[in-house]
């Protein structure tokens, strides 16, 4: 059994424990030594971050070969259309190639804590929410995908990674769970991939 910490990363917190520029880091919220993030989440994104001291479990979660689905709640500028959702689901063309098919759906505005920096759409635009589930990882992929279909991301929250979710957590809090990793899953992936680990 391995320990896994489910952490709700707040807005404008780095997914690391130190920073030479004085920005907020995980050290302000987590004092458990010997654990590290399995994957990352951008400074201006919020939501689920998984941390563990088990290297094999880290690889199992973070490496794109394992294709753990990640679900994001996305607040975009404008009223997202069915056509845009269909485009996201089919995959869109980005400057580093087409994305894989995804799951995209309308989302009722979730009940969330206010962000430290309020969302400000342009006058007359308003906002709407969608749920987007990906099985690949590229740098700032969600933001680039919604922009590609004409709806810029204003707020981004990672709700789940695989079986783990933010359910019961509030920003800055964490929960410890125990994970049993099968022996065969402790092997490293057998080939390299050119994809970057998931950051959004």
C-alpha atoms as a PDB file:
ATOM      1  CA  UNK A   1       0.000   0.000   0.000  1.00  0.00           C
ATOM      2  CA  UNK A   2       1.168   3.521  -0.802  1.00  0.00           C
ATOM      3  CA  UNK A   3       0.110   6.878   0.597  1.00  0.00           C
ATOM      4  CA  UNK A   4      -1.447   9.334  -1.817  1.00  0.00           C
ATOM      5  CA  UNK A   5      -2.377  12.902  -0.919  1.00  0.00           C
ATOM      6  CA  UNK A   6      -5.272  14.539  -2.748  1.00  0.00           C
ATOM      7  CA  UNK A   7      -4.699  18.296  -2.644  1.00  0.00           C
ATOM      8  CA  UNK A   8      -6.990  21.075  -3.852  1.00  0.00           C
ATOM      9  CA  UNK A   9      -4.493  23.524  -5.314  1.00  0.00           C
ATOM     10  CA  UNK A  10      -5.696  27.109  -5.056  1.00  0.00           C
ATOM     11  CA  UNK A  11      -5.365  29.739  -7.773  1.00  0.00           C
ATOM     12  CA  UNK A  12      -1.874  31.229  -8.160  1.00  0.00           C
ATOM     13  CA  UNK A  13      -0.001  28.542  -6.241  1.00  0.00           C
ATOM     14  CA  UNK A  14       2.930  26.735  -7.842  1.00  0.00           C
ATOM     15  CA  UNK A  15       2.877  22.942  -8.105  1.00  0.00           C
ATOM     16  CA  UNK A  16       6.219  22.743  -6.267  1.00  0.00           C
ATOM     17  CA  UNK A  17       7.605  23.346  -2.786  1.00  0.00           C
ATOM     18  CA  UNK A  18      10.129  26.125  -3.488  1.00  0.00           C
ATOM     19  CA  UNK A  19      10.339  29.240  -5.647  1.00  0.00           C
ATOM     20  CA  UNK A  20      13.079  31.814  -6.025  1.00  0.00           C
ATOM     21  CA  UNK A  21      10.608  34.531  -7.083  1.00  0.00           C
ATOM     22  CA  UNK A  22       8.590  34.613  -3.882  1.00  0.00           C
ATOM     23  CA  UNK A  23       5.412  33.108  -5.318  1.00  0.00           C
ATOM     24  CA  UNK A  24       3.123  30.890  -3.241  1.00  0.00           C
ATOM     25  CA  UNK A  25       4.085  27.209  -3.245  1.00  0.00           C
ATOM     26  CA  UNK A  26       2.839  23.906  -1.868  1.00  0.00           C
ATOM     27  CA  UNK A  27       4.960  24.491   1.244  1.00  0.00           C
ATOM     28  CA  UNK A  28       2.345  26.956   2.502  1.00  0.00           C
ATOM     29  CA  UNK A  29      -0.241  24.159   2.610  1.00  0.00           C
ATOM     30  CA  UNK A  30       1.549  20.809   2.990  1.00  0.00           C
ATOM     31  CA  UNK A  31       4.127  19.975   5.666  1.00  0.00           C
ATOM     32  CA  UNK A  32       4.493  16.256   4.950  1.00  0.00           C
ATOM     33  CA  UNK A  33       8.153  15.546   4.033  1.00  0.00           C
ATOM     34  CA  UNK A  34       9.195  13.229   1.227  1.00  0.00           C
ATOM     35  CA  UNK A  35       6.195  13.630  -1.059  1.00  0.00           C
ATOM     36  CA  UNK A  36       6.139  15.184  -4.518  1.00  0.00           C
ATOM     37  CA  UNK A  37       3.497  16.026  -7.126  1.00  0.00           C
ATOM     38  CA  UNK A  38       2.572  13.324  -9.625  1.00  0.00           C
ATOM     39  CA  UNK A  39       2.181  15.669 -12.569  1.00  0.00           C
ATOM     40  CA  UNK A  40       1.600  19.406 -12.430  1.00  0.00           C
ATOM     41  CA  UNK A  41      -1.074  22.057 -12.613  1.00  0.00           C
ATOM     42  CA  UNK A  42      -0.354  25.558 -13.869  1.00  0.00           C
ATOM     43  CA  UNK A  43       0.038  28.516 -11.524  1.00  0.00           C
ATOM     44  CA  UNK A  44      -3.202  30.097 -12.736  1.00  0.00           C
ATOM     45  CA  UNK A  45      -5.211  26.852 -12.673  1.00  0.00           C
ATOM     46  CA  UNK A  46      -6.964  25.314  -9.685  1.00  0.00           C
ATOM     47  CA  UNK A  47      -7.987  21.880  -8.571  1.00  0.00           C
ATOM     48  CA  UNK A  48      -6.775  18.375  -7.956  1.00  0.00           C
ATOM     49  CA  UNK A  49      -3.080  17.715  -7.511  1.00  0.00           C
ATOM     50  CA  UNK A  50      -1.856  14.276  -6.404  1.00  0.00           C
ATOM     51  CA  UNK A  51       1.279  13.871  -4.283  1.00  0.00           C
ATOM     52  CA  UNK A  52       3.131  10.766  -3.152  1.00  0.00           C
ATOM     53  CA  UNK A  53       6.538   9.546  -2.091  1.00  0.00           C
ATOM     54  CA  UNK A  54       6.179   6.332  -4.106  1.00  0.00           C
ATOM     55  CA  UNK A  55       8.075   6.734  -7.398  1.00  0.00           C
ATOM     56  CA  UNK A  56       6.215   3.902  -9.126  1.00  0.00           C
ATOM     57  CA  UNK A  57       2.873   5.390  -8.173  1.00  0.00           C
ATOM     58  CA  UNK A  58       4.056   8.805  -9.370  1.00  0.00           C
ATOM     59  CA  UNK A  59       4.912   7.311 -12.758  1.00  0.00           C
ATOM     60  CA  UNK A  60       1.613   5.429 -12.940  1.00  0.00           C
ATOM     61  CA  UNK A  61      -0.326   8.655 -12.405  1.00  0.00           C
ATOM     62  CA  UNK A  62       1.746  11.167 -14.351  1.00  0.00           C
ATOM     63  CA  UNK A  63       3.174   9.345 -17.348  1.00  0.00           C
ATOM     64  CA  UNK A  64       1.106   9.898 -20.530  1.00  0.00           C
ATOM     65  CA  UNK A  65       1.538   6.243 -21.548  1.00  0.00           C
ATOM     66  CA  UNK A  66      -0.983   5.290 -18.862  1.00  0.00           C
ATOM     67  CA  UNK A  67      -3.586   7.755 -20.189  1.00  0.00           C
ATOM     68  CA  UNK A  68      -5.415   8.373 -16.912  1.00  0.00           C
ATOM     69  CA  UNK A  69      -8.487  10.470 -17.795  1.00  0.00           C
ATOM     70  CA  UNK A  70      -8.460  13.976 -16.336  1.00  0.00           C
ATOM     71  CA  UNK A  71     -11.680  15.950 -16.061  1.00  0.00           C
ATOM     72  CA  UNK A  72     -11.712  19.746 -15.976  1.00  0.00           C
ATOM     73  CA  UNK A  73     -14.439  22.209 -15.122  1.00  0.00           C
ATOM     74  CA  UNK A  74     -13.917  25.139 -17.454  1.00  0.00           C
ATOM     75  CA  UNK A  75     -15.450  28.600 -17.264  1.00  0.00           C
ATOM     76  CA  UNK A  76     -15.236  30.244 -20.667  1.00  0.00           C
ATOM     77  CA  UNK A  77     -16.077  33.650 -22.044  1.00  0.00           C
ATOM     78  CA  UNK A  78     -19.373  33.573 -23.927  1.00  0.00           C
ATOM     79  CA  UNK A  79     -22.123  30.965 -24.101  1.00  0.00           C
ATOM     80  CA  UNK A  80     -20.510  27.731 -25.255  1.00  0.00           C
ATOM     81  CA  UNK A  81     -22.383  26.221 -28.208  1.00  0.00           C
ATOM     82  CA  UNK A  82     -23.211  22.635 -29.039  1.00  0.00           C
ATOM     83  CA  UNK A  83     -21.109  23.007 -32.178  1.00  0.00           C
ATOM     84  CA  UNK A  84     -18.067  24.039 -30.143  1.00  0.00           C
ATOM     85  CA  UNK A  85     -18.569  21.103 -27.767  1.00  0.00           C
ATOM     86  CA  UNK A  86     -18.767  18.732 -30.737  1.00  0.00           C
ATOM     87  CA  UNK A  87     -15.507  20.165 -32.089  1.00  0.00           C
ATOM     88  CA  UNK A  88     -13.803  19.648 -28.720  1.00  0.00           C
ATOM     89  CA  UNK A  89     -15.119  16.092 -28.545  1.00  0.00           C
ATOM     90  CA  UNK A  90     -13.829  15.227 -32.023  1.00  0.00           C
ATOM     91  CA  UNK A  91     -10.457  16.861 -31.392  1.00  0.00           C
ATOM     92  CA  UNK A  92      -9.128  20.207 -32.559  1.00  0.00           C
ATOM     93  CA  UNK A  93      -6.033  21.243 -34.465  1.00  0.00           C
ATOM     94  CA  UNK A  94      -3.394  22.940 -32.290  1.00  0.00           C
ATOM     95  CA  UNK A  95       0.020  24.238 -33.306  1.00  0.00           C
ATOM     96  CA  UNK A  96       1.569  20.982 -32.049  1.00  0.00           C
ATOM     97  CA  UNK A  97      -0.894  18.757 -33.898  1.00  0.00           C
ATOM     98  CA  UNK A  98      -4.475  17.520 -33.529  1.00  0.00           C
ATOM     99  CA  UNK A  99      -5.801  16.576 -30.103  1.00  0.00           C
ATOM    100  CA  UNK A 100      -7.289  13.201 -29.338  1.00  0.00           C
ATOM    101  CA  UNK A 101     -11.049  12.858 -29.065  1.00  0.00           C
ATOM    102  CA  UNK A 102     -12.327  14.084 -25.703  1.00  0.00           C
ATOM    103  CA  UNK A 103     -15.535  14.157 -23.694  1.00  0.00           C
ATOM    104  CA  UNK A 104     -17.134  17.599 -23.670  1.00  0.00           C
ATOM    105  CA  UNK A 105     -20.472  18.624 -22.184  1.00  0.00           C
ATOM    106  CA  UNK A 106     -22.371  21.624 -20.871  1.00  0.00           C
ATOM    107  CA  UNK A 107     -21.963  22.101 -17.112  1.00  0.00           C
ATOM    108  CA  UNK A 108     -24.261  23.956 -14.756  1.00  0.00           C
ATOM    109  CA  UNK A 109     -22.280  26.631 -12.864  1.00  0.00           C
ATOM    110  CA  UNK A 110     -20.745  24.701  -9.954  1.00  0.00           C
ATOM    111  CA  UNK A 111     -20.880  25.892  -6.350  1.00  0.00           C
ATOM    112  CA  UNK A 112     -17.311  27.054  -5.774  1.00  0.00           C
ATOM    113  CA  UNK A 113     -15.393  29.274  -3.400  1.00  0.00           C
ATOM    114  CA  UNK A 114     -14.732  32.728  -4.807  1.00  0.00           C
ATOM    115  CA  UNK A 115     -11.378  33.016  -6.531  1.00  0.00           C
ATOM    116  CA  UNK A 116      -8.843  35.454  -5.098  1.00  0.00           C
ATOM    117  CA  UNK A 117      -8.844  37.262  -8.442  1.00  0.00           C
ATOM    118  CA  UNK A 118     -12.404  37.532  -9.799  1.00  0.00           C
ATOM    119  CA  UNK A 119     -13.203  36.347 -13.309  1.00  0.00           C
ATOM    120  CA  UNK A 120     -13.815  39.311 -15.592  1.00  0.00           C
ATOM    121  CA  UNK A 121     -15.273  38.625 -19.044  1.00  0.00           C
ATOM    122  CA  UNK A 122     -15.360  41.397 -21.594  1.00  0.00           C
ATOM    123  CA  UNK A 123     -18.453  43.633 -21.444  1.00  0.00           C
ATOM    124  CA  UNK A 124     -21.516  41.958 -22.896  1.00  0.00           C
ATOM    125  CA  UNK A 125     -19.882  38.531 -23.215  1.00  0.00           C
ATOM    126  CA  UNK A 126     -20.903  36.740 -20.027  1.00  0.00           C
ATOM    127  CA  UNK A 127     -19.607  33.278 -19.164  1.00  0.00           C
ATOM    128  CA  UNK A 128     -20.602  29.633 -19.277  1.00  0.00           C
ATOM    129  CA  UNK A 129     -19.206  26.336 -18.012  1.00  0.00           C
ATOM    130  CA  UNK A 130     -18.291  23.048 -19.623  1.00  0.00           C
ATOM    131  CA  UNK A 131     -16.818  19.754 -18.492  1.00  0.00           C
ATOM    132  CA  UNK A 132     -13.874  18.467 -20.542  1.00  0.00           C
ATOM    133  CA  UNK A 133     -12.230  15.056 -20.076  1.00  0.00           C
ATOM    134  CA  UNK A 134      -8.857  14.376 -21.704  1.00  0.00           C
ATOM    135  CA  UNK A 135      -6.617  11.316 -21.947  1.00  0.00           C
ATOM    136  CA  UNK A 136      -3.494  13.105 -23.105  1.00  0.00           C
ATOM    137  CA  UNK A 137      -1.282  15.826 -21.744  1.00  0.00           C
ATOM    138  CA  UNK A 138       0.075  18.905 -23.461  1.00  0.00           C
ATOM    139  CA  UNK A 139       1.173  22.227 -22.083  1.00  0.00           C
ATOM    140  CA  UNK A 140      -1.902  24.383 -21.328  1.00  0.00           C
ATOM    141  CA  UNK A 141      -3.982  22.094 -23.506  1.00  0.00           C
ATOM    142  CA  UNK A 142      -7.444  22.932 -22.166  1.00  0.00           C
ATOM    143  CA  UNK A 143      -6.889  26.660 -22.592  1.00  0.00           C
ATOM    144  CA  UNK A 144      -5.616  26.193 -26.130  1.00  0.00           C
ATOM    145  CA  UNK A 145      -8.500  23.898 -27.056  1.00  0.00           C
ATOM    146  CA  UNK A 146     -11.254  26.234 -25.906  1.00  0.00           C
ATOM    147  CA  UNK A 147      -9.537  29.187 -27.575  1.00  0.00           C
ATOM    148  CA  UNK A 148      -9.339  27.183 -30.813  1.00  0.00           C
ATOM    149  CA  UNK A 149     -13.143  26.837 -30.881  1.00  0.00           C
ATOM    150  CA  UNK A 150     -13.710  30.497 -30.033  1.00  0.00           C
ATOM    151  CA  UNK A 151     -14.341  30.403 -26.273  1.00  0.00           C
ATOM    152  CA  UNK A 152     -11.342  31.568 -24.208  1.00  0.00           C
ATOM    153  CA  UNK A 153     -10.883  29.951 -20.801  1.00  0.00           C
ATOM    154  CA  UNK A 154     -11.354  32.314 -17.870  1.00  0.00           C
ATOM    155  CA  UNK A 155     -11.211  29.825 -14.985  1.00  0.00           C
ATOM    156  CA  UNK A 156      -9.910  26.272 -14.996  1.00  0.00           C
ATOM    157  CA  UNK A 157     -10.439  23.669 -12.279  1.00  0.00           C
ATOM    158  CA  UNK A 158      -9.209  20.087 -12.502  1.00  0.00           C
ATOM    159  CA  UNK A 159     -11.976  18.030 -10.929  1.00  0.00           C
ATOM    160  CA  UNK A 160     -10.549  14.527 -11.243  1.00  0.00           C
ATOM    161  CA  UNK A 161      -7.585  12.365 -12.205  1.00  0.00           C
ATOM    162  CA  UNK A 162      -8.556   8.762 -12.848  1.00  0.00           C
ATOM    163  CA  UNK A 163     -10.654   7.583  -9.892  1.00  0.00           C
ATOM    164  CA  UNK A 164      -9.663  10.479  -7.603  1.00  0.00           C
ATOM    165  CA  UNK A 165     -11.744  13.667  -7.347  1.00  0.00           C
ATOM    166  CA  UNK A 166     -12.022  16.935  -5.424  1.00  0.00           C
ATOM    167  CA  UNK A 167     -15.176  15.691  -3.710  1.00  0.00           C
ATOM    168  CA  UNK A 168     -15.147  16.828  -0.072  1.00  0.00           C
ATOM    169  CA  UNK A 169     -12.121  19.109  -0.462  1.00  0.00           C
ATOM    170  CA  UNK A 170     -11.892  22.892  -0.363  1.00  0.00           C
ATOM    171  CA  UNK A 171      -9.041  25.028  -1.726  1.00  0.00           C
ATOM    172  CA  UNK A 172      -5.828  24.549   0.242  1.00  0.00           C
ATOM    173  CA  UNK A 173      -6.952  21.312   1.921  1.00  0.00           C
ATOM    174  CA  UNK A 174      -5.758  17.766   1.355  1.00  0.00           C
ATOM    175  CA  UNK A 175      -6.879  14.226   2.116  1.00  0.00           C
ATOM    176  CA  UNK A 176      -4.769  11.095   2.538  1.00  0.00           C
ATOM    177  CA  UNK A 177      -5.801   7.848   0.841  1.00  0.00           C
ATOM    178  CA  UNK A 178      -4.105   4.463   0.569  1.00  0.00           C
ATOM    179  CA  UNK A 179      -3.463   3.004  -2.878  1.00  0.00           C
ATOM    180  CA  UNK A 180      -2.615  -0.578  -3.790  1.00  0.00           C
ATOM    181  CA  UNK A 181      -0.483  -0.620  -6.925  1.00  0.00           C
ATOM    182  CA  UNK A 182      -0.311  -4.036  -8.668  1.00  0.00           C
ATOM    183  CA  UNK A 183       3.193  -5.408  -9.138  1.00  0.00           C
ATOM    184  CA  UNK A 184       2.989  -5.201 -12.938  1.00  0.00           C
ATOM    185  CA  UNK A 185       2.042  -1.525 -12.692  1.00  0.00           C
ATOM    186  CA  UNK A 186       5.323  -0.796 -10.921  1.00  0.00           C
ATOM    187  CA  UNK A 187       7.230  -1.305 -14.147  1.00  0.00           C
ATOM    188  CA  UNK A 188       8.260   1.822 -15.986  1.00  0.00           C
ATOM    189  CA  UNK A 189       6.760   2.390 -19.442  1.00  0.00           C
ATOM    190  CA  UNK A 190       8.727   0.438 -22.049  1.00  0.00           C
ATOM    191  CA  UNK A 191       9.044   3.253 -24.577  1.00  0.00           C
ATOM    192  CA  UNK A 192       9.583   6.957 -24.540  1.00  0.00           C
ATOM    193  CA  UNK A 193       7.007   9.464 -25.637  1.00  0.00           C
ATOM    194  CA  UNK A 194       7.502  12.983 -26.914  1.00  0.00           C
ATOM    195  CA  UNK A 195       4.414  14.301 -25.122  1.00  0.00           C
ATOM    196  CA  UNK A 196       4.872  16.623 -22.198  1.00  0.00           C
ATOM    197  CA  UNK A 197       3.291  15.772 -18.911  1.00  0.00           C
ATOM    198  CA  UNK A 198      -0.097  17.281 -18.399  1.00  0.00           C
ATOM    199  CA  UNK A 199      -0.180  20.916 -17.422  1.00  0.00           C
ATOM    200  CA  UNK A 200      -3.202  23.169 -17.780  1.00  0.00           C
END
